[in-house]
C-alpha atoms as a PDB file:
ATOM      1  CA  MET A   1      35.819  -9.549  75.906  1.00  0.00           C
ATOM      2  CA  ALA A   2      37.444 -10.884  79.066  1.00  0.00           C
ATOM      3  CA  ILE A   3      35.861 -13.965  80.585  1.00  0.00           C
ATOM      4  CA  SER A   4      36.027 -14.557  84.332  1.00  0.00           C
ATOM      5  CA  PHE A   5      34.774 -17.564  86.340  1.00  0.00           C
ATOM      6  CA  SER A   6      33.112 -17.527  89.743  1.00  0.00           C
ATOM      7  CA  SER A   7      33.270 -21.348  90.036  1.00  0.00           C
ATOM      8  CA  ALA A   8      36.101 -23.856  90.372  1.00  0.00           C
ATOM      9  CA  VAL A   9      34.654 -25.737  87.401  1.00  0.00           C
ATOM     10  CA  SER A  10      36.936 -25.601  84.335  1.00  0.00           C
ATOM     11  CA  ILE A  11      35.630 -24.684  80.890  1.00  0.00           C
ATOM     12  CA  GLN A  12      38.315 -25.340  78.324  1.00  0.00           C
ATOM     13  CA  SER A  13      36.846 -23.418  75.415  1.00  0.00           C
ATOM     14  CA  LEU A  14      35.313 -20.018  74.723  1.00  0.00           C
ATOM     15  CA  LEU A  15      31.575 -19.495  74.760  1.00  0.00           C
ATOM     16  CA  SER A  16      29.972 -17.230  72.181  1.00  0.00           C
ATOM     17  CA  VAL A  17      26.545 -15.580  72.207  1.00  0.00           C
ATOM     18  CA  ARG A  18      24.803 -14.509  69.040  1.00  0.00           C
ATOM     19  CA  ASP A  19      21.840 -12.047  69.113  1.00  0.00           C
ATOM     20  CA  SER A  20      19.410 -13.827  66.812  1.00  0.00           C
ATOM     21  CA  SER A  21      15.995 -12.280  67.472  1.00  0.00           C
ATOM     22  CA  TYR A  22      16.177  -8.989  69.354  1.00  0.00           C
ATOM     23  CA  ASN A  23      12.869  -7.039  69.460  1.00  0.00           C
ATOM     24  CA  LYS A  24      13.673  -3.320  69.746  1.00  0.00           C
ATOM     25  CA  SER A  25      10.119  -2.350  70.739  1.00  0.00           C
ATOM     26  CA  THR A  26      10.004  -4.681  73.734  1.00  0.00           C
ATOM     27  CA  GLY A  27      13.694  -4.830  74.480  1.00  0.00           C
ATOM     28  CA  LYS A  28      13.507  -8.646  74.686  1.00  0.00           C
ATOM     29  CA  CYS A  29      15.006 -11.483  72.711  1.00  0.00           C
ATOM     30  CA  ILE A  30      15.853 -15.156  72.869  1.00  0.00           C
ATOM     31  CA  PRO A  31      19.606 -15.357  72.363  1.00  0.00           C
ATOM     32  CA  THR A  32      21.247 -18.180  70.445  1.00  0.00           C
ATOM     33  CA  ILE A  33      24.045 -19.555  72.605  1.00  0.00           C
ATOM     34  CA  THR A  34      26.702 -21.738  71.098  1.00  0.00           C
ATOM     35  CA  ALA A  35      29.362 -23.430  73.132  1.00  0.00           C
ATOM     36  CA  LYS A  36      31.935 -26.157  73.036  1.00  0.00           C
ATOM     37  CA  VAL A  37      32.629 -27.371  76.544  1.00  0.00           C
ATOM     38  CA  PRO A  38      34.678 -30.577  76.716  1.00  0.00           C
ATOM     39  CA  SER A  39      34.272 -31.121  80.442  1.00  0.00           C
ATOM     40  CA  LEU A  40      32.039 -29.726  83.161  1.00  0.00           C
ATOM     41  CA  SER A  41      31.731 -30.791  86.758  1.00  0.00           C
ATOM     42  CA  ALA A  42      28.589 -32.325  88.243  1.00  0.00           C
ATOM     43  CA  SER A  43      27.785 -29.044  89.939  1.00  0.00           C
ATOM     44  CA  SER A  44      27.585 -27.132  86.650  1.00  0.00           C
ATOM     45  CA  ASN A  45      24.171 -28.210  85.454  1.00  0.00           C
ATOM     46  CA  TYR A  46      23.370 -24.698  84.287  1.00  0.00           C
ATOM     47  CA  VAL A  47      25.393 -21.662  83.219  1.00  0.00           C
ATOM     48  CA  LYS A  48      24.519 -18.031  83.870  1.00  0.00           C
ATOM     49  CA  PHE A  49      25.741 -15.458  81.368  1.00  0.00           C
ATOM     50  CA  GLN A  50      26.218 -11.871  82.512  1.00  0.00           C
ATOM     51  CA  GLU A  51      27.730  -8.832  80.907  1.00  0.00           C
ATOM     52  CA  GLY A  52      31.488  -9.284  80.834  1.00  0.00           C
ATOM     53  CA  SER A  53      31.506 -12.480  82.865  1.00  0.00           C
ATOM     54  CA  ILE A  54      30.272 -16.044  83.198  1.00  0.00           C
ATOM     55  CA  LYS A  55      29.229 -17.641  86.455  1.00  0.00           C
ATOM     56  CA  PHE A  56      27.348 -20.767  87.486  1.00  0.00           C
ATOM     57  CA  CYS A  57      23.847 -20.682  88.870  1.00  0.00           C
ATOM     58  CA  CYS A  58      20.669 -22.765  88.925  1.00  0.00           C
ATOM     59  CA  LYS A  59      18.838 -22.175  85.668  1.00  0.00           C
ATOM     60  CA  ALA A  60      18.720 -18.690  84.095  1.00  0.00           C
ATOM     61  CA  ALA A  61      21.259 -17.399  81.615  1.00  0.00           C
ATOM     62  CA  VAL A  62      21.406 -13.582  81.590  1.00  0.00           C
ATOM     63  CA  VAL A  63      23.111 -11.805  78.678  1.00  0.00           C
ATOM     64  CA  ALA A  64      23.620  -8.068  78.206  1.00  0.00           C
ATOM     65  CA  GLY A  65      22.783  -7.005  74.626  1.00  0.00           C
ATOM     66  CA  GLU A  66      23.951  -4.033  72.617  1.00  0.00           C
ATOM     67  CA  SER A  67      20.967  -2.032  73.861  1.00  0.00           C
ATOM     68  CA  GLY A  68      22.212  -2.365  77.418  1.00  0.00           C
ATOM     69  CA  LYS A  69      19.151  -4.313  78.462  1.00  0.00           C
ATOM     70  CA  LYS A  70      19.559  -7.795  79.942  1.00  0.00           C
ATOM     71  CA  ARG A  71      18.058 -10.732  78.115  1.00  0.00           C
ATOM     72  CA  THR A  72      17.589 -14.155  79.562  1.00  0.00           C
ATOM     73  CA  GLY A  73      17.859 -17.662  78.154  1.00  0.00           C
ATOM     74  CA  VAL A  74      18.603 -21.118  79.505  1.00  0.00           C
ATOM     75  CA  TRP A  75      21.553 -23.286  78.534  1.00  0.00           C
ATOM     76  CA  LYS A  76      21.792 -26.689  80.234  1.00  0.00           C
ATOM     77  CA  CYS A  77      25.172 -28.416  80.490  1.00  0.00           C
ATOM     78  CA  ALA A  78      25.826 -32.116  80.870  1.00  0.00           C
ATOM     79  CA  ALA A  79      26.873 -33.093  84.393  1.00  0.00           C
ATOM     80  CA  GLY A  80      30.275 -34.473  83.416  1.00  0.00           C
ATOM     81  CA  ASP A  81      31.216 -36.174  86.672  1.00  0.00           C
ATOM     82  CA  ASP A  82      27.857 -37.920  86.911  1.00  0.00           C
ATOM     83  CA  ILE A  83      28.128 -39.221  83.350  1.00  0.00           C
ATOM     84  CA  GLU A  84      31.693 -40.429  83.904  1.00  0.00           C
ATOM     85  CA  ALA A  85      30.510 -42.254  87.033  1.00  0.00           C
ATOM     86  CA  GLU A  86      27.698 -43.933  85.089  1.00  0.00           C
ATOM     87  CA  LYS A  87      30.075 -45.003  82.314  1.00  0.00           C
ATOM     88  CA  ALA A  88      32.552 -46.413  84.825  1.00  0.00           C
ATOM     89  CA  ALA A  89      29.815 -48.245  86.729  1.00  0.00           C
ATOM     90  CA  ILE A  90      28.570 -49.956  83.552  1.00  0.00           C
ATOM     91  CA  LYS A  91      32.058 -51.171  82.626  1.00  0.00           C
ATOM     92  CA  THR A  92      32.889 -52.275  86.176  1.00  0.00           C
ATOM     93  CA  ASP A  93      29.640 -54.218  86.492  1.00  0.00           C
ATOM     94  CA  ALA A  94      30.270 -55.952  83.159  1.00  0.00           C
ATOM     95  CA  LYS A  95      33.814 -56.947  84.131  1.00  0.00           C
ATOM     96  CA  ASN A  96      32.699 -58.225  87.542  1.00  0.00           C
ATOM     97  CA  ARG A  97      29.990 -60.359  85.954  1.00  0.00           C
ATOM     98  CA  MET A  98      32.420 -61.710  83.364  1.00  0.00           C
ATOM     99  CA  GLU A  99      34.896 -62.596  86.113  1.00  0.00           C
ATOM    100  CA  LYS A 100      32.169 -64.408  88.024  1.00  0.00           C
ATOM    101  CA  THR A 101      31.251 -66.338  84.860  1.00  0.00           C
ATOM    102  CA  LEU A 102      34.885 -67.371  84.439  1.00  0.00           C
ATOM    103  CA  GLU A 103      34.966 -68.609  88.049  1.00  0.00           C
ATOM    104  CA  THR A 104      31.780 -70.616  87.484  1.00  0.00           C
ATOM    105  CA  VAL A 105      33.251 -72.278  84.398  1.00  0.00           C
ATOM    106  CA  GLN A 106      36.361 -73.183  86.400  1.00  0.00           C
ATOM    107  CA  GLU A 107      34.232 -74.643  89.209  1.00  0.00           C
ATOM    108  CA  ASN A 108      32.264 -76.716  86.705  1.00  0.00           C
ATOM    109  CA  PHE A 109      35.478 -78.047  85.196  1.00  0.00           C
ATOM    110  CA  ASN A 110      36.768 -78.951  88.654  1.00  0.00           C
ATOM    111  CA  GLY A 111      33.718 -81.142  89.123  1.00  0.00           C
ATOM    112  CA  PHE A 112      34.649 -83.380  86.171  1.00  0.00           C
ATOM    113  CA  ARG A 113      36.491 -86.577  86.880  1.00  0.00           C
ATOM    114  CA  THR A 114      39.869 -87.130  85.304  1.00  0.00           C
ATOM    115  CA  GLY A 115      42.257 -90.038  85.509  1.00  0.00           C
ATOM    116  CA  ARG A 116      43.832 -88.653  88.665  1.00  0.00           C
ATOM    117  CA  ALA A 117      42.298 -88.076  92.120  1.00  0.00           C
ATOM    118  CA  SER A 118      41.956 -84.431  93.167  1.00  0.00           C
ATOM    119  CA  PRO A 119      40.066 -82.722  96.033  1.00  0.00           C
ATOM    120  CA  THR A 120      38.588 -80.330  93.458  1.00  0.00           C
ATOM    121  CA  MET A 121      36.440 -83.237  92.224  1.00  0.00           C
ATOM    122  CA  LEU A 122      34.282 -82.682  95.315  1.00  0.00           C
ATOM    123  CA  ASP A 123      34.157 -78.864  95.158  1.00  0.00           C
ATOM    124  CA  ARG A 124      30.529 -78.776  94.057  1.00  0.00           C
ATOM    125  CA  LEU A 125      29.281 -81.590  96.276  1.00  0.00           C
ATOM    126  CA  GLU A 126      26.721 -80.365  98.826  1.00  0.00           C
ATOM    127  CA  VAL A 127      25.681 -82.133 102.029  1.00  0.00           C
ATOM    128  CA  GLU A 128      22.460 -81.705 104.001  1.00  0.00           C
ATOM    129  CA  TYR A 129      23.965 -80.697 107.338  1.00  0.00           C
ATOM    130  CA  TYR A 130      21.523 -79.964 110.173  1.00  0.00           C
ATOM    131  CA  GLY A 131      18.773 -79.198 107.683  1.00  0.00           C
ATOM    132  CA  SER A 132      20.806 -76.852 105.487  1.00  0.00           C
ATOM    133  CA  PRO A 133      22.795 -77.585 102.299  1.00  0.00           C
ATOM    134  CA  VAL A 134      26.495 -76.866 102.778  1.00  0.00           C
ATOM    135  CA  SER A 135      29.556 -77.626 100.677  1.00  0.00           C
ATOM    136  CA  LEU A 136      31.421 -80.781 101.685  1.00  0.00           C
ATOM    137  CA  LYS A 137      34.738 -78.949 101.909  1.00  0.00           C
ATOM    138  CA  SER A 138      33.291 -76.632 104.560  1.00  0.00           C
ATOM    139  CA  ILE A 139      32.623 -79.500 107.005  1.00  0.00           C
ATOM    140  CA  ALA A 140      35.450 -81.896 106.180  1.00  0.00           C
ATOM    141  CA  GLN A 141      39.114 -82.050 105.284  1.00  0.00           C
ATOM    142  CA  ILE A 142      39.737 -83.659 101.886  1.00  0.00           C
ATOM    143  CA  THR A 143      43.167 -85.022 100.986  1.00  0.00           C
ATOM    144  CA  THR A 144      44.750 -87.287  98.368  1.00  0.00           C
ATOM    145  CA  PRO A 145      46.894 -90.042  99.934  1.00  0.00           C
ATOM    146  CA  ASP A 146      47.887 -91.082  96.410  1.00  0.00           C
ATOM    147  CA  GLY A 147      46.986 -90.427  92.799  1.00  0.00           C
ATOM    148  CA  SER A 148      44.011 -92.781  92.786  1.00  0.00           C
ATOM    149  CA  SER A 149      42.192 -92.140  96.084  1.00  0.00           C
ATOM    150  CA  LEU A 150      40.587 -89.443  98.213  1.00  0.00           C
ATOM    151  CA  LEU A 151      40.371 -89.307 101.998  1.00  0.00           C
ATOM    152  CA  ILE A 152      37.482 -87.394 103.626  1.00  0.00           C
ATOM    153  CA  GLN A 153      37.836 -86.602 107.323  1.00  0.00           C
ATOM    154  CA  PRO A 154      34.805 -84.705 108.708  1.00  0.00           C
ATOM    155  CA  TYR A 155      35.250 -82.251 111.549  1.00  0.00           C
ATOM    156  CA  ASP A 156      32.084 -83.723 113.064  1.00  0.00           C
ATOM    157  CA  LYS A 157      32.074 -87.548 112.929  1.00  0.00           C
ATOM    158  CA  SER A 158      28.298 -87.625 113.213  1.00  0.00           C
ATOM    159  CA  SER A 159      28.191 -86.276 109.656  1.00  0.00           C
ATOM    160  CA  LEU A 160      29.865 -89.349 108.138  1.00  0.00           C
ATOM    161  CA  LYS A 161      26.576 -90.977 107.119  1.00  0.00           C
ATOM    162  CA  ILE A 162      25.128 -87.883 105.460  1.00  0.00           C
ATOM    163  CA  ILE A 163      28.419 -87.343 103.594  1.00  0.00           C
ATOM    164  CA  GLU A 164      28.322 -90.954 102.400  1.00  0.00           C
ATOM    165  CA  LYS A 165      24.719 -90.507 101.268  1.00  0.00           C
ATOM    166  CA  ALA A 166      25.573 -87.327  99.344  1.00  0.00           C
ATOM    167  CA  ILE A 167      28.414 -89.065  97.493  1.00  0.00           C
ATOM    168  CA  VAL A 168      26.247 -92.049  96.542  1.00  0.00           C
ATOM    169  CA  GLY A 169      23.504 -89.708  95.296  1.00  0.00           C
ATOM    170  CA  SER A 170      25.892 -87.609  93.195  1.00  0.00           C
ATOM    171  CA  ASN A 171      26.934 -88.176  89.572  1.00  0.00           C
ATOM    172  CA  LEU A 172      30.560 -88.798  90.506  1.00  0.00           C
ATOM    173  CA  ASP A 173      30.302 -92.578  90.037  1.00  0.00           C
ATOM    174  CA  LEU A 174      32.365 -93.166  93.184  1.00  0.00           C
ATOM    175  CA  SER A 175      31.744 -95.763  95.902  1.00  0.00           C
ATOM    176  CA  PRO A 176      32.485 -94.443  99.416  1.00  0.00           C
ATOM    177  CA  ASN A 177      34.093 -96.666 102.067  1.00  0.00           C
ATOM    178  CA  ASN A 178      32.993 -95.485 105.537  1.00  0.00           C
ATOM    179  CA  ASP A 179      34.998 -97.025 108.409  1.00  0.00           C
ATOM    180  CA  GLY A 180      33.385 -94.909 111.125  1.00  0.00           C
ATOM    181  CA  GLU A 181      36.306 -92.490 111.254  1.00  0.00           C
ATOM    182  CA  VAL A 182      36.886 -91.360 107.680  1.00  0.00           C
ATOM    183  CA  ILE A 183      35.541 -91.984 104.195  1.00  0.00           C
ATOM    184  CA  ARG A 184      37.836 -93.321 101.479  1.00  0.00           C
ATOM    185  CA  LEU A 185      37.112 -92.988  97.792  1.00  0.00           C
ATOM    186  CA  THR A 186      38.915 -94.939  95.117  1.00  0.00           C
ATOM    187  CA  VAL A 187      38.998 -93.110  91.815  1.00  0.00           C
ATOM    188  CA  PRO A 188      38.987 -95.700  89.018  1.00  0.00           C
ATOM    189  CA  GLN A 189      40.704 -95.081  85.715  1.00  0.00           C
ATOM    190  CA  LEU A 190      38.406 -93.764  83.006  1.00  0.00           C
ATOM    191  CA  THR A 191      37.807 -95.653  79.786  1.00  0.00           C
ATOM    192  CA  ALA A 192      38.645 -93.946  76.492  1.00  0.00           C
ATOM    193  CA  GLU A 193      34.946 -93.685  75.714  1.00  0.00           C
ATOM    194  CA  ARG A 194      34.167 -92.075  79.066  1.00  0.00           C
ATOM    195  CA  ARG A 195      37.008 -89.583  78.609  1.00  0.00           C
ATOM    196  CA  LYS A 196      35.538 -88.473  75.298  1.00  0.00           C
ATOM    197  CA  GLU A 197      32.086 -88.092  76.850  1.00  0.00           C
ATOM    198  CA  LEU A 198      33.480 -85.913  79.626  1.00  0.00           C
ATOM    199  CA  ALA A 199      35.427 -83.821  77.105  1.00  0.00           C
ATOM    200  CA  LYS A 200      32.172 -83.153  75.243  1.00  0.00           C
ATOM    201  CA  LEU A 201      30.475 -82.108  78.490  1.00  0.00           C
ATOM    202  CA  ALA A 202      33.352 -79.765  79.240  1.00  0.00           C
ATOM    203  CA  ALA A 203      33.051 -78.256  75.751  1.00  0.00           C
ATOM    204  CA  LYS A 204      29.356 -77.654  76.401  1.00  0.00           C
ATOM    205  CA  GLN A 205      30.152 -75.931  79.715  1.00  0.00           C
ATOM    206  CA  ALA A 206      32.713 -73.741  77.959  1.00  0.00           C
ATOM    207  CA  GLU A 207      30.207 -72.732  75.279  1.00  0.00           C
ATOM    208  CA  GLU A 208      27.609 -71.850  77.913  1.00  0.00           C
ATOM    209  CA  GLY A 209      30.201 -69.664  79.588  1.00  0.00           C
ATOM    210  CA  LYS A 210      30.927 -67.867  76.311  1.00  0.00           C
ATOM    211  CA  VAL A 211      27.212 -67.275  75.733  1.00  0.00           C
ATOM    212  CA  ALA A 212      26.978 -65.753  79.230  1.00  0.00           C
ATOM    213  CA  ILE A 213      29.923 -63.440  78.428  1.00  0.00           C
ATOM    214  CA  ARG A 214      28.254 -62.284  75.194  1.00  0.00           C
ATOM    215  CA  ASN A 215      25.002 -61.625  77.058  1.00  0.00           C
ATOM    216  CA  ILE A 216      26.847 -59.493  79.610  1.00  0.00           C
ATOM    217  CA  ARG A 217      28.374 -57.474  76.763  1.00  0.00           C
ATOM    218  CA  ARG A 218      24.915 -57.019  75.216  1.00  0.00           C
ATOM    219  CA  ASP A 219      23.492 -55.743  78.532  1.00  0.00           C
ATOM    220  CA  ALA A 220      26.327 -53.233  78.939  1.00  0.00           C
ATOM    221  CA  ILE A 221      25.870 -51.885  75.399  1.00  0.00           C
ATOM    222  CA  LYS A 222      22.149 -51.442  76.059  1.00  0.00           C
ATOM    223  CA  SER A 223      23.062 -49.377  79.124  1.00  0.00           C
ATOM    224  CA  TYR A 224      25.362 -47.181  77.011  1.00  0.00           C
ATOM    225  CA  GLU A 225      22.635 -46.753  74.395  1.00  0.00           C
ATOM    226  CA  LYS A 226      20.225 -45.706  77.123  1.00  0.00           C
ATOM    227  CA  LEU A 227      22.618 -42.896  78.063  1.00  0.00           C
ATOM    228  CA  GLU A 228      22.734 -41.900  74.398  1.00  0.00           C
ATOM    229  CA  LYS A 229      18.923 -41.708  74.248  1.00  0.00           C
ATOM    230  CA  GLU A 230      18.991 -39.530  77.352  1.00  0.00           C
ATOM    231  CA  LYS A 231      21.390 -37.184  75.483  1.00  0.00           C
ATOM    232  CA  LYS A 232      24.142 -37.872  78.007  1.00  0.00           C
ATOM    233  CA  LEU A 233      26.471 -39.517  75.490  1.00  0.00           C
ATOM    234  CA  SER A 234      27.023 -38.961  71.789  1.00  0.00           C
ATOM    235  CA  GLU A 235      26.782 -41.723  69.196  1.00  0.00           C
ATOM    236  CA  ASP A 236      30.557 -41.610  68.612  1.00  0.00           C
ATOM    237  CA  ILE A 237      31.311 -42.008  72.313  1.00  0.00           C
ATOM    238  CA  VAL A 238      28.952 -44.992  72.528  1.00  0.00           C
ATOM    239  CA  LYS A 239      30.774 -46.577  69.584  1.00  0.00           C
ATOM    240  CA  ASP A 240      34.125 -46.063  71.316  1.00  0.00           C
ATOM    241  CA  LEU A 241      32.811 -47.525  74.581  1.00  0.00           C
ATOM    242  CA  SER A 242      31.348 -50.508  72.723  1.00  0.00           C
ATOM    243  CA  GLY A 243      34.713 -51.072  71.056  1.00  0.00           C
ATOM    244  CA  ASP A 244      36.497 -51.065  74.420  1.00  0.00           C
ATOM    245  CA  LEU A 245      33.901 -53.446  75.808  1.00  0.00           C
ATOM    246  CA  GLN A 246      34.455 -55.805  72.869  1.00  0.00           C
ATOM    247  CA  LYS A 247      38.152 -55.992  73.775  1.00  0.00           C
ATOM    248  CA  VAL A 248      37.242 -57.003  77.339  1.00  0.00           C
ATOM    249  CA  THR A 249      34.761 -59.553  75.965  1.00  0.00           C
ATOM    250  CA  ASP A 250      37.406 -61.067  73.670  1.00  0.00           C
ATOM    251  CA  GLU A 251      39.793 -61.290  76.608  1.00  0.00           C
ATOM    252  CA  TYR A 252      37.344 -63.349  78.686  1.00  0.00           C
ATOM    253  CA  MET A 253      36.454 -65.511  75.696  1.00  0.00           C
ATOM    254  CA  LYS A 254      40.136 -66.424  75.366  1.00  0.00           C
ATOM    255  CA  LYS A 255      40.364 -67.177  79.087  1.00  0.00           C
ATOM    256  CA  ILE A 256      37.423 -69.589  78.907  1.00  0.00           C
ATOM    257  CA  GLU A 257      38.898 -71.261  75.828  1.00  0.00           C
ATOM    258  CA  ALA A 258      42.258 -71.657  77.603  1.00  0.00           C
ATOM    259  CA  LEU A 259      40.556 -73.276  80.611  1.00  0.00           C
ATOM    260  CA  PHE A 260      38.719 -75.680  78.322  1.00  0.00           C
ATOM    261  CA  LYS A 261      41.837 -76.680  76.378  1.00  0.00           C
ATOM    262  CA  LEU A 262      43.668 -77.399  79.623  1.00  0.00           C
ATOM    263  CA  LYS A 263      40.786 -79.483  80.985  1.00  0.00           C
ATOM    264  CA  GLU A 264      40.345 -81.351  77.707  1.00  0.00           C
ATOM    265  CA  LYS A 265      44.031 -82.271  77.678  1.00  0.00           C
ATOM    266  CA  GLU A 266      43.718 -83.436  81.284  1.00  0.00           C
ATOM    267  CA  MET A 267      40.688 -85.573  80.493  1.00  0.00           C
ATOM    268  CA  LEU A 268      42.041 -87.239  77.377  1.00  0.00           C
ATOM    269  CA  LYS A 269      45.439 -87.989  78.881  1.00  0.00           C
ATOM    270  CA  VAL A 270      45.720 -91.714  79.714  1.00  0.00           C
END
């Protein structure tokens, strides 16, 4: 039997209809429809079967039987494009959140003191500026005249005192020198004991980052499993998606570990 399509949607396999329960006295039956359709567009939520042809419609499937009378049944197809969009959205959201976690770990590492002065030491320092907390680097230029000092030059000189107060109140263990124009910070060398303490703190930050990555993976898998419960994805497809997600997770785990190793080396170097 020739099969023609009245829709642009592609069906890449043949559909077969089997007459399973035809009642000759009433001329009615509920046909058994079997199909293998690898991909359907979002518009093809339902398929309509007619004698000698297949075309897409809203709900009813109409099939001509051997008696010549039309029999109706409903066959619902998965909206392929919609499902693909949901799958892609889950993966994209997971990767974006993992990337943000990696950035947070890097920012936390930047906040640790090392034996050498660096503007990144002040990246997380916030200042109460006109009643609102703002980052120091947004209201001042921070430079390193040499390897053991920092120079803070605010764009608004009236903010010198509040910057000084923020530094004193931080956990940076630095003593600001305010000359009315700029603030100078001398970064003292760290003791061996202090270096080890900071390395332990960095290790803790790295572990927290890894936990966050694993939690993001868990959330994404739950989203895939939800699609499986809704009969939008098969169990095998969910397993494949979970496997791909594990590869992404492993990748970000390695990135966090690499950041930690670099920071640890920096901290322990005398």
